[in-house]
Amino acid sequence: LIGIIHKKPKEGGISAVGGTGSIYTYYGPNEKKFASLTKNFATIDLPKVMPALGLGDEPIPLWWTSDFINSSPPGTAAKDEKWIV
């Protein structure tokens, strides 16, 4: 993991895609705010990717980026958050 970029829509916006005035916040790979997400993705979720694609005997390719959407209700403790890839 090199880093995490947190994108949020601008005030009143509904999309965080480029060119829409989104707000970008950059975090290092050891950011405590995302420790649970990082640990769970690397140790629980990522090992399931290749088998899910029918490529269980193949090495995982170079991973460029993943987009995560926090599906937890506001106020959920970081350790209990649920993220969707």
PDB file of N, CA and C in Angstrom:
ATOM      1  N   LEU A   1       0.844  -1.180   0.000  1.00  0.00           N
ATOM      2  CA  LEU A   1       0.000   0.000   0.000  1.00  0.00           C
ATOM      3  C   LEU A   1       0.885   1.237   0.000  1.00  0.00           C
ATOM      4  N   ILE A   2       0.626   2.127  -0.923  1.00  0.00           N
ATOM      5  CA  ILE A   2       1.387   3.368  -1.032  1.00  0.00           C
ATOM      6  C   ILE A   2       0.686   4.497  -0.282  1.00  0.00           C
ATOM      7  N   GLY A   3      -0.622   4.575  -0.405  1.00  0.00           N
ATOM      8  CA  GLY A   3      -1.356   5.631   0.261  1.00  0.00           C
ATOM      9  C   GLY A   3      -2.843   5.516  -0.005  1.00  0.00           C
ATOM     10  N   ILE A   4      -3.586   6.391   0.653  1.00  0.00           N
ATOM     11  CA  ILE A   4      -5.039   6.406   0.532  1.00  0.00           C
ATOM     12  C   ILE A   4      -5.449   7.822   0.153  1.00  0.00           C
ATOM     13  N   ILE A   5      -6.324   7.927  -0.840  1.00  0.00           N
ATOM     14  CA  ILE A   5      -6.884   9.211  -1.226  1.00  0.00           C
ATOM     15  C   ILE A   5      -8.367   9.166  -0.904  1.00  0.00           C
ATOM     16  N   HIS A   6      -8.798  10.045  -0.018  1.00  0.00           N
ATOM     17  CA  HIS A   6     -10.209  10.110   0.357  1.00  0.00           C
ATOM     18  C   HIS A   6     -10.847  11.218  -0.470  1.00  0.00           C
ATOM     19  N   LYS A   7     -11.820  10.846  -1.311  1.00  0.00           N
ATOM     20  CA  LYS A   7     -12.503  11.812  -2.173  1.00  0.00           C
ATOM     21  C   LYS A   7     -13.914  12.028  -1.653  1.00  0.00           C
ATOM     22  N   LYS A   8     -14.292  13.277  -1.534  1.00  0.00           N
ATOM     23  CA  LYS A   8     -15.646  13.617  -1.110  1.00  0.00           C
ATOM     24  C   LYS A   8     -16.221  14.615  -2.108  1.00  0.00           C
ATOM     25  N   PRO A   9     -17.519  14.511  -2.381  1.00  0.00           N
ATOM     26  CA  PRO A   9     -18.130  15.509  -3.263  1.00  0.00           C
ATOM     27  C   PRO A   9     -18.021  16.899  -2.637  1.00  0.00           C
ATOM     28  N   LYS A  10     -17.953  17.916  -3.489  1.00  0.00           N
ATOM     29  CA  LYS A  10     -17.967  19.278  -2.953  1.00  0.00           C
ATOM     30  C   LYS A  10     -19.301  19.507  -2.253  1.00  0.00           C
ATOM     31  N   GLU A  11     -19.362  20.517  -1.410  1.00  0.00           N
ATOM     32  CA  GLU A  11     -20.575  20.837  -0.668  1.00  0.00           C
ATOM     33  C   GLU A  11     -21.761  20.923  -1.624  1.00  0.00           C
ATOM     34  N   GLY A  12     -22.793  20.139  -1.347  1.00  0.00           N
ATOM     35  CA  GLY A  12     -23.983  20.134  -2.186  1.00  0.00           C
ATOM     36  C   GLY A  12     -23.885  19.218  -3.393  1.00  0.00           C
ATOM     37  N   GLY A  13     -22.705  18.640  -3.613  1.00  0.00           N
ATOM     38  CA  GLY A  13     -22.514  17.748  -4.756  1.00  0.00           C
ATOM     39  C   GLY A  13     -22.923  16.323  -4.442  1.00  0.00           C
ATOM     40  N   ILE A  14     -23.075  15.507  -5.482  1.00  0.00           N
ATOM     41  CA  ILE A  14     -23.445  14.113  -5.280  1.00  0.00           C
ATOM     42  C   ILE A  14     -22.406  13.145  -5.821  1.00  0.00           C
ATOM     43  N   SER A  15     -21.360  13.670  -6.471  1.00  0.00           N
ATOM     44  CA  SER A  15     -20.361  12.806  -7.071  1.00  0.00           C
ATOM     45  C   SER A  15     -18.964  13.277  -6.681  1.00  0.00           C
ATOM     46  N   ALA A  16     -18.055  12.315  -6.515  1.00  0.00           N
ATOM     47  CA  ALA A  16     -16.674  12.641  -6.174  1.00  0.00           C
ATOM     48  C   ALA A  16     -15.729  12.328  -7.332  1.00  0.00           C
ATOM     49  N   VAL A  17     -16.248  12.250  -8.557  1.00  0.00           N
ATOM     50  CA  VAL A  17     -15.381  11.992  -9.704  1.00  0.00           C
ATOM     51  C   VAL A  17     -14.612  13.259 -10.054  1.00  0.00           C
ATOM     52  N   GLY A  18     -13.490  13.062 -10.750  1.00  0.00           N
ATOM     53  CA  GLY A  18     -12.660  14.198 -11.126  1.00  0.00           C
ATOM     54  C   GLY A  18     -13.416  15.235 -11.945  1.00  0.00           C
ATOM     55  N   GLY A  19     -13.034  16.487 -11.765  1.00  0.00           N
ATOM     56  CA  GLY A  19     -13.623  17.571 -12.529  1.00  0.00           C
ATOM     57  C   GLY A  19     -14.929  18.099 -11.963  1.00  0.00           C
ATOM     58  N   THR A  20     -15.357  17.609 -10.794  1.00  0.00           N
ATOM     59  CA  THR A  20     -16.624  18.053 -10.225  1.00  0.00           C
ATOM     60  C   THR A  20     -16.417  18.925  -8.992  1.00  0.00           C
ATOM     61  N   GLY A  21     -15.164  19.301  -8.721  1.00  0.00           N
ATOM     62  CA  GLY A  21     -14.884  20.108  -7.540  1.00  0.00           C
ATOM     63  C   GLY A  21     -14.735  19.283  -6.279  1.00  0.00           C
ATOM     64  N   SER A  22     -14.514  17.989  -6.431  1.00  0.00           N
ATOM     65  CA  SER A  22     -14.380  17.104  -5.276  1.00  0.00           C
ATOM     66  C   SER A  22     -13.234  17.539  -4.375  1.00  0.00           C
ATOM     67  N   ILE A  23     -13.344  17.170  -3.106  1.00  0.00           N
ATOM     68  CA  ILE A  23     -12.314  17.475  -2.117  1.00  0.00           C
ATOM     69  C   ILE A  23     -11.477  16.220  -1.905  1.00  0.00           C
ATOM     70  N   TYR A  24     -10.168  16.334  -2.102  1.00  0.00           N
ATOM     71  CA  TYR A  24      -9.254  15.212  -1.965  1.00  0.00           C
ATOM     72  C   TYR A  24      -8.418  15.390  -0.703  1.00  0.00           C
ATOM     73  N   THR A  25      -8.337  14.329   0.103  1.00  0.00           N
ATOM     74  CA  THR A  25      -7.466  14.318   1.277  1.00  0.00           C
ATOM     75  C   THR A  25      -6.542  13.115   1.129  1.00  0.00           C
ATOM     76  N   TYR A  26      -5.249  13.349   1.296  1.00  0.00           N
ATOM     77  CA  TYR A  26      -4.249  12.298   1.097  1.00  0.00           C
ATOM     78  C   TYR A  26      -3.760  11.780   2.448  1.00  0.00           C
ATOM     79  N   TYR A  27      -3.690  10.453   2.571  1.00  0.00           N
ATOM     80  CA  TYR A  27      -3.237   9.802   3.794  1.00  0.00           C
ATOM     81  C   TYR A  27      -2.117   8.831   3.453  1.00  0.00           C
ATOM     82  N   GLY A  28      -1.226   8.610   4.407  1.00  0.00           N
ATOM     83  CA  GLY A  28      -0.167   7.628   4.233  1.00  0.00           C
ATOM     84  C   GLY A  28      -0.701   6.215   4.426  1.00  0.00           C
ATOM     85  N   PRO A  29       0.106   5.203   4.124  1.00  0.00           N
ATOM     86  CA  PRO A  29      -0.341   3.813   4.197  1.00  0.00           C
ATOM     87  C   PRO A  29      -0.646   3.317   5.609  1.00  0.00           C
ATOM     88  N   ASN A  30      -0.158   4.016   6.616  1.00  0.00           N
ATOM     89  CA  ASN A  30      -0.380   3.578   7.995  1.00  0.00           C
ATOM     90  C   ASN A  30      -1.375   4.461   8.741  1.00  0.00           C
ATOM     91  N   GLU A  31      -2.237   5.142   8.019  1.00  0.00           N
ATOM     92  CA  GLU A  31      -3.222   6.033   8.625  1.00  0.00           C
ATOM     93  C   GLU A  31      -4.142   5.255   9.570  1.00  0.00           C
ATOM     94  N   LYS A  32      -4.188   5.652  10.822  1.00  0.00           N
ATOM     95  CA  LYS A  32      -5.000   4.952  11.822  1.00  0.00           C
ATOM     96  C   LYS A  32      -6.489   4.984  11.476  1.00  0.00           C
ATOM     97  N   LYS A  33      -6.931   6.070  10.855  1.00  0.00           N
ATOM     98  CA  LYS A  33      -8.346   6.214  10.499  1.00  0.00           C
ATOM     99  C   LYS A  33      -8.823   5.078   9.594  1.00  0.00           C
ATOM    100  N   PHE A  34      -7.908   4.541   8.772  1.00  0.00           N
ATOM    101  CA  PHE A  34      -8.266   3.484   7.827  1.00  0.00           C
ATOM    102  C   PHE A  34      -7.566   2.162   8.145  1.00  0.00           C
ATOM    103  N   ALA A  35      -7.074   1.998   9.373  1.00  0.00           N
ATOM    104  CA  ALA A  35      -6.330   0.788   9.744  1.00  0.00           C
ATOM    105  C   ALA A  35      -7.171  -0.474   9.582  1.00  0.00           C
ATOM    106  N   SER A  36      -8.417  -0.435  10.002  1.00  0.00           N
ATOM    107  CA  SER A  36      -9.280  -1.614   9.893  1.00  0.00           C
ATOM    108  C   SER A  36      -9.551  -1.952   8.433  1.00  0.00           C
ATOM    109  N   LEU A  37      -9.862  -0.951   7.628  1.00  0.00           N
ATOM    110  CA  LEU A  37     -10.096  -1.164   6.196  1.00  0.00           C
ATOM    111  C   LEU A  37      -8.859  -1.766   5.536  1.00  0.00           C
ATOM    112  N   THR A  38      -7.700  -1.168   5.793  1.00  0.00           N
ATOM    113  CA  THR A  38      -6.457  -1.637   5.181  1.00  0.00           C
ATOM    114  C   THR A  38      -6.151  -3.076   5.580  1.00  0.00           C
ATOM    115  N   LYS A  39      -6.239  -3.368   6.875  1.00  0.00           N
ATOM    116  CA  LYS A  39      -5.941  -4.722   7.366  1.00  0.00           C
ATOM    117  C   LYS A  39      -6.906  -5.741   6.784  1.00  0.00           C
ATOM    118  N   ASN A  40      -8.194  -5.447   6.831  1.00  0.00           N
ATOM    119  CA  ASN A  40      -9.189  -6.404   6.336  1.00  0.00           C
ATOM    120  C   ASN A  40      -9.067  -6.627   4.835  1.00  0.00           C
ATOM    121  N   PHE A  41      -8.808  -5.579   4.075  1.00  0.00           N
ATOM    122  CA  PHE A  41      -8.675  -5.744   2.626  1.00  0.00           C
ATOM    123  C   PHE A  41      -7.455  -6.599   2.293  1.00  0.00           C
ATOM    124  N   ALA A  42      -6.328  -6.312   2.941  1.00  0.00           N
ATOM    125  CA  ALA A  42      -5.096  -7.033   2.631  1.00  0.00           C
ATOM    126  C   ALA A  42      -5.101  -8.476   3.120  1.00  0.00           C
ATOM    127  N   THR A  43      -5.710  -8.750   4.274  1.00  0.00           N
ATOM    128  CA  THR A  43      -5.606 -10.091   4.857  1.00  0.00           C
ATOM    129  C   THR A  43      -6.843 -10.966   4.660  1.00  0.00           C
ATOM    130  N   ILE A  44      -8.012 -10.358   4.499  1.00  0.00           N
ATOM    131  CA  ILE A  44      -9.238 -11.147   4.372  1.00  0.00           C
ATOM    132  C   ILE A  44      -9.788 -11.121   2.941  1.00  0.00           C
ATOM    133  N   ASP A  45      -9.940  -9.921   2.396  1.00  0.00           N
ATOM    134  CA  ASP A  45     -10.609  -9.785   1.103  1.00  0.00           C
ATOM    135  C   ASP A  45      -9.715 -10.092  -0.095  1.00  0.00           C
ATOM    136  N   LEU A  46      -8.533  -9.528  -0.121  1.00  0.00           N
ATOM    137  CA  LEU A  46      -7.661  -9.677  -1.279  1.00  0.00           C
ATOM    138  C   LEU A  46      -7.350 -11.137  -1.629  1.00  0.00           C
ATOM    139  N   PRO A  47      -7.107 -12.018  -0.643  1.00  0.00           N
ATOM    140  CA  PRO A  47      -6.853 -13.417  -0.988  1.00  0.00           C
ATOM    141  C   PRO A  47      -8.043 -14.120  -1.668  1.00  0.00           C
ATOM    142  N   LYS A  48      -9.232 -13.532  -1.612  1.00  0.00           N
ATOM    143  CA  LYS A  48     -10.417 -14.133  -2.223  1.00  0.00           C
ATOM    144  C   LYS A  48     -10.651 -13.674  -3.656  1.00  0.00           C
ATOM    145  N   VAL A  49      -9.911 -12.641  -4.086  1.00  0.00           N
ATOM    146  CA  VAL A  49     -10.168 -12.048  -5.406  1.00  0.00           C
ATOM    147  C   VAL A  49      -9.899 -13.031  -6.538  1.00  0.00           C
ATOM    148  N   MET A  50      -8.709 -13.587  -6.611  1.00  0.00           N
ATOM    149  CA  MET A  50      -8.364 -14.465  -7.732  1.00  0.00           C
ATOM    150  C   MET A  50      -9.248 -15.718  -7.764  1.00  0.00           C
ATOM    151  N   PRO A  51      -9.508 -16.398  -6.642  1.00  0.00           N
ATOM    152  CA  PRO A  51     -10.434 -17.532  -6.692  1.00  0.00           C
ATOM    153  C   PRO A  51     -11.830 -17.125  -7.168  1.00  0.00           C
ATOM    154  N   ALA A  52     -12.299 -15.949  -6.771  1.00  0.00           N
ATOM    155  CA  ALA A  52     -13.625 -15.490  -7.196  1.00  0.00           C
ATOM    156  C   ALA A  52     -13.689 -15.284  -8.702  1.00  0.00           C
ATOM    157  N   LEU A  53     -12.546 -15.021  -9.319  1.00  0.00           N
ATOM    158  CA  LEU A  53     -12.486 -14.829 -10.766  1.00  0.00           C
ATOM    159  C   LEU A  53     -12.191 -16.130 -11.510  1.00  0.00           C
ATOM    160  N   GLY A  54     -12.132 -17.241 -10.769  1.00  0.00           N
ATOM    161  CA  GLY A  54     -11.799 -18.525 -11.385  1.00  0.00           C
ATOM    162  C   GLY A  54     -10.319 -18.652 -11.687  1.00  0.00           C
ATOM    163  N   LEU A  55      -9.487 -17.852 -11.023  1.00  0.00           N
ATOM    164  CA  LEU A  55      -8.049 -17.846 -11.266  1.00  0.00           C
ATOM    165  C   LEU A  55      -7.282 -18.126  -9.975  1.00  0.00           C
ATOM    166  N   GLY A  56      -7.797 -19.047  -9.176  1.00  0.00           N
ATOM    167  CA  GLY A  56      -7.228 -19.330  -7.870  1.00  0.00           C
ATOM    168  C   GLY A  56      -5.783 -19.766  -7.863  1.00  0.00           C
ATOM    169  N   ASP A  57      -5.292 -20.350  -8.968  1.00  0.00           N
ATOM    170  CA  ASP A  57      -3.905 -20.810  -9.026  1.00  0.00           C
ATOM    171  C   ASP A  57      -2.954 -19.756  -9.590  1.00  0.00           C
ATOM    172  N   GLU A  58      -3.485 -18.594  -9.928  1.00  0.00           N
ATOM    173  CA  GLU A  58      -2.668 -17.527 -10.516  1.00  0.00           C
ATOM    174  C   GLU A  58      -2.284 -16.513  -9.446  1.00  0.00           C
ATOM    175  N   PRO A  59      -1.110 -15.881  -9.612  1.00  0.00           N
ATOM    176  CA  PRO A  59      -0.736 -14.821  -8.662  1.00  0.00           C
ATOM    177  C   PRO A  59      -1.598 -13.583  -8.913  1.00  0.00           C
ATOM    178  N   ILE A  60      -1.788 -12.812  -7.878  1.00  0.00           N
ATOM    179  CA  ILE A  60      -2.554 -11.577  -8.046  1.00  0.00           C
ATOM    180  C   ILE A  60      -1.704 -10.601  -8.862  1.00  0.00           C
ATOM    181  N   PRO A  61      -2.287  -9.937  -9.841  1.00  0.00           N
ATOM    182  CA  PRO A  61      -1.502  -8.998 -10.653  1.00  0.00           C
ATOM    183  C   PRO A  61      -1.205  -7.715  -9.878  1.00  0.00           C
ATOM    184  N   LEU A  62      -0.379  -6.890 -10.454  1.00  0.00           N
ATOM    185  CA  LEU A  62      -0.107  -5.593  -9.862  1.00  0.00           C
ATOM    186  C   LEU A  62      -1.429  -4.867  -9.678  1.00  0.00           C
ATOM    187  N   TRP A  63      -1.689  -4.412  -8.467  1.00  0.00           N
ATOM    188  CA  TRP A  63      -2.967  -3.764  -8.142  1.00  0.00           C
ATOM    189  C   TRP A  63      -2.749  -2.265  -8.180  1.00  0.00           C
ATOM    190  N   TRP A  64      -3.457  -1.579  -9.053  1.00  0.00           N
ATOM    191  CA  TRP A  64      -3.238  -0.155  -9.226  1.00  0.00           C
ATOM    192  C   TRP A  64      -4.084   0.670  -8.262  1.00  0.00           C
ATOM    193  N   THR A  65      -5.379   0.375  -8.214  1.00  0.00           N
ATOM    194  CA  THR A  65      -6.266   1.178  -7.379  1.00  0.00           C
ATOM    195  C   THR A  65      -7.524   0.391  -7.044  1.00  0.00           C
ATOM    196  N   SER A  66      -8.134   0.727  -5.951  1.00  0.00           N
ATOM    197  CA  SER A  66      -9.442   0.187  -5.576  1.00  0.00           C
ATOM    198  C   SER A  66     -10.266   1.334  -5.027  1.00  0.00           C
ATOM    199  N   ASP A  67     -11.516   1.359  -5.383  1.00  0.00           N
ATOM    200  CA  ASP A  67     -12.430   2.355  -4.825  1.00  0.00           C
ATOM    201  C   ASP A  67     -13.268   1.682  -3.751  1.00  0.00           C
ATOM    202  N   PHE A  68     -13.370   2.322  -2.614  1.00  0.00           N
ATOM    203  CA  PHE A  68     -14.134   1.795  -1.494  1.00  0.00           C
ATOM    204  C   PHE A  68     -15.234   2.787  -1.134  1.00  0.00           C
ATOM    205  N   ILE A  69     -16.411   2.271  -0.860  1.00  0.00           N
ATOM    206  CA  ILE A  69     -17.530   3.092  -0.419  1.00  0.00           C
ATOM    207  C   ILE A  69     -17.903   2.632   0.982  1.00  0.00           C
ATOM    208  N   ASN A  70     -17.911   3.567   1.915  1.00  0.00           N
ATOM    209  CA  ASN A  70     -18.265   3.248   3.293  1.00  0.00           C
ATOM    210  C   ASN A  70     -19.781   3.086   3.367  1.00  0.00           C
ATOM    211  N   SER A  71     -20.240   1.889   3.695  1.00  0.00           N
ATOM    212  CA  SER A  71     -21.682   1.615   3.748  1.00  0.00           C
ATOM    213  C   SER A  71     -22.226   1.645   5.180  1.00  0.00           C
ATOM    214  N   SER A  72     -21.404   2.081   6.116  1.00  0.00           N
ATOM    215  CA  SER A  72     -21.807   2.115   7.530  1.00  0.00           C
ATOM    216  C   SER A  72     -22.608   3.376   7.839  1.00  0.00           C
ATOM    217  N   PRO A  73     -23.514   3.270   8.790  1.00  0.00           N
ATOM    218  CA  PRO A  73     -24.238   4.465   9.213  1.00  0.00           C
ATOM    219  C   PRO A  73     -23.287   5.481   9.845  1.00  0.00           C
ATOM    220  N   PRO A  74     -23.583   6.774   9.733  1.00  0.00           N
ATOM    221  CA  PRO A  74     -22.748   7.782  10.389  1.00  0.00           C
ATOM    222  C   PRO A  74     -22.630   7.469  11.884  1.00  0.00           C
ATOM    223  N   GLY A  75     -21.428   7.672  12.391  1.00  0.00           N
ATOM    224  CA  GLY A  75     -21.189   7.431  13.812  1.00  0.00           C
ATOM    225  C   GLY A  75     -20.664   6.041  14.124  1.00  0.00           C
ATOM    226  N   THR A  76     -20.588   5.160  13.116  1.00  0.00           N
ATOM    227  CA  THR A  76     -20.050   3.817  13.335  1.00  0.00           C
ATOM    228  C   THR A  76     -18.563   3.915  13.679  1.00  0.00           C
ATOM    229  N   ALA A  77     -18.129   3.183  14.679  1.00  0.00           N
ATOM    230  CA  ALA A  77     -16.706   3.164  15.045  1.00  0.00           C
ATOM    231  C   ALA A  77     -15.888   2.643  13.869  1.00  0.00           C
ATOM    232  N   ALA A  78     -14.699   3.205  13.656  1.00  0.00           N
ATOM    233  CA  ALA A  78     -13.866   2.821  12.526  1.00  0.00           C
ATOM    234  C   ALA A  78     -13.623   1.318  12.459  1.00  0.00           C
ATOM    235  N   LYS A  79     -13.444   0.684  13.607  1.00  0.00           N
ATOM    236  CA  LYS A  79     -13.172  -0.760  13.615  1.00  0.00           C
ATOM    237  C   LYS A  79     -14.378  -1.582  13.163  1.00  0.00           C
ATOM    238  N   ASP A  80     -15.570  -0.996  13.213  1.00  0.00           N
ATOM    239  CA  ASP A  80     -16.799  -1.706  12.837  1.00  0.00           C
ATOM    240  C   ASP A  80     -17.347  -1.302  11.479  1.00  0.00           C
ATOM    241  N   GLU A  81     -16.665  -0.397  10.780  1.00  0.00           N
ATOM    242  CA  GLU A  81     -17.154   0.066   9.487  1.00  0.00           C
ATOM    243  C   GLU A  81     -17.190  -1.066   8.468  1.00  0.00           C
ATOM    244  N   LYS A  82     -18.143  -0.979   7.559  1.00  0.00           N
ATOM    245  CA  LYS A  82     -18.274  -1.927   6.447  1.00  0.00           C
ATOM    246  C   LYS A  82     -18.035  -1.152   5.159  1.00  0.00           C
ATOM    247  N   TRP A  83     -17.134  -1.672   4.352  1.00  0.00           N
ATOM    248  CA  TRP A  83     -16.763  -1.008   3.101  1.00  0.00           C
ATOM    249  C   TRP A  83     -17.113  -1.902   1.919  1.00  0.00           C
ATOM    250  N   ILE A  84     -17.500  -1.288   0.827  1.00  0.00           N
ATOM    251  CA  ILE A  84     -17.815  -1.987  -0.418  1.00  0.00           C
ATOM    252  C   ILE A  84     -16.744  -1.615  -1.444  1.00  0.00           C
ATOM    253  N   VAL A  85     -16.188  -2.621  -2.107  1.00  0.00           N
ATOM    254  CA  VAL A  85     -15.190  -2.379  -3.161  1.00  0.00           C
ATOM    255  C   VAL A  85     -15.915  -2.231  -4.471  1.00  0.00           C
TER     256      VAL A  85
END
